Protein backbone atom coordinates (compact mmCIF):
# COMPACT_ATOMS: atom_id res chain seq x y z
CA MET A 1 5.26 13.64 15.01
CA LYS A 2 2.30 12.78 12.81
CA THR A 3 1.29 9.19 12.20
CA SER A 4 -0.20 7.97 8.95
CA VAL A 5 -2.52 4.97 9.08
CA SER A 6 -3.15 2.67 6.13
CA ALA A 7 -4.28 -0.80 5.13
CA PRO A 8 -1.17 -1.80 3.18
CA ALA A 9 -0.73 -3.65 -0.05
CA SER A 10 1.82 -6.44 0.03
CA ASP A 11 5.51 -5.59 0.47
CA LEU A 12 5.09 -2.14 2.04
CA TRP A 13 8.16 -0.87 3.92
CA VAL A 14 7.81 -0.32 7.67
CA MET A 15 8.81 3.24 8.56
CA PRO A 16 8.66 5.43 11.68
CA GLY A 17 5.35 7.29 11.92
CA ARG A 18 3.42 4.75 9.83
CA ALA A 19 0.74 2.54 11.40
CA LEU A 20 -0.25 -0.50 9.34
CA ILE A 21 -3.58 -2.19 9.95
CA ALA A 22 -4.63 -5.39 8.19
CA SER A 23 -7.94 -5.34 6.30
CA SER A 24 -10.72 -7.68 7.40
CA GLY A 25 -9.78 -11.33 6.85
CA LYS A 26 -6.09 -10.49 6.23
CA HIS A 27 -2.91 -10.79 8.29
CA LEU A 28 0.32 -8.78 8.16
CA LEU A 29 3.39 -10.97 7.91
CA PRO A 30 6.59 -9.08 8.84
CA LYS A 31 9.66 -9.75 6.70
CA ARG A 32 13.23 -8.48 6.75
CA SER A 33 15.59 -7.53 3.96
CA GLY A 34 19.01 -6.51 5.29
CA ALA A 35 18.46 -3.61 7.69
CA TYR A 36 14.90 -2.93 6.45
CA TYR A 37 11.54 -4.40 7.41
CA PHE A 38 8.44 -4.72 5.29
CA VAL A 39 5.09 -6.48 5.58
CA GLY A 40 3.37 -8.98 3.37
CA VAL A 41 -0.42 -9.21 3.35
CA VAL A 42 -1.76 -12.78 3.43
CA ASP A 43 -5.12 -14.52 3.88
CA GLY A 44 -5.51 -16.65 6.96
CA PRO A 45 -8.02 -18.04 9.42
CA LEU A 46 -9.42 -15.71 12.09
CA GLY A 47 -7.78 -15.83 15.51
CA CYS A 48 -4.68 -17.60 14.25
CA SER A 49 -1.13 -16.35 13.86
CA PRO A 50 1.19 -17.59 11.05
CA PRO A 51 2.74 -20.59 12.85
CA CYS A 52 -0.62 -22.42 12.99
CA TRP A 53 -1.14 -22.08 9.21
CA ARG A 54 1.32 -24.87 8.52
């Protein structure tokens, strides 16, 4: 199986065979809609995961 790699725009669906890598200074925030998953791209401090942004 081939794998495609990309730096996604916001709200890109997560699919088998697709590797998503955040651009520099960005974070991927996984979201769910029913049985499907997608990622949002957000700005955030380096070395910090979403719970510490609050």
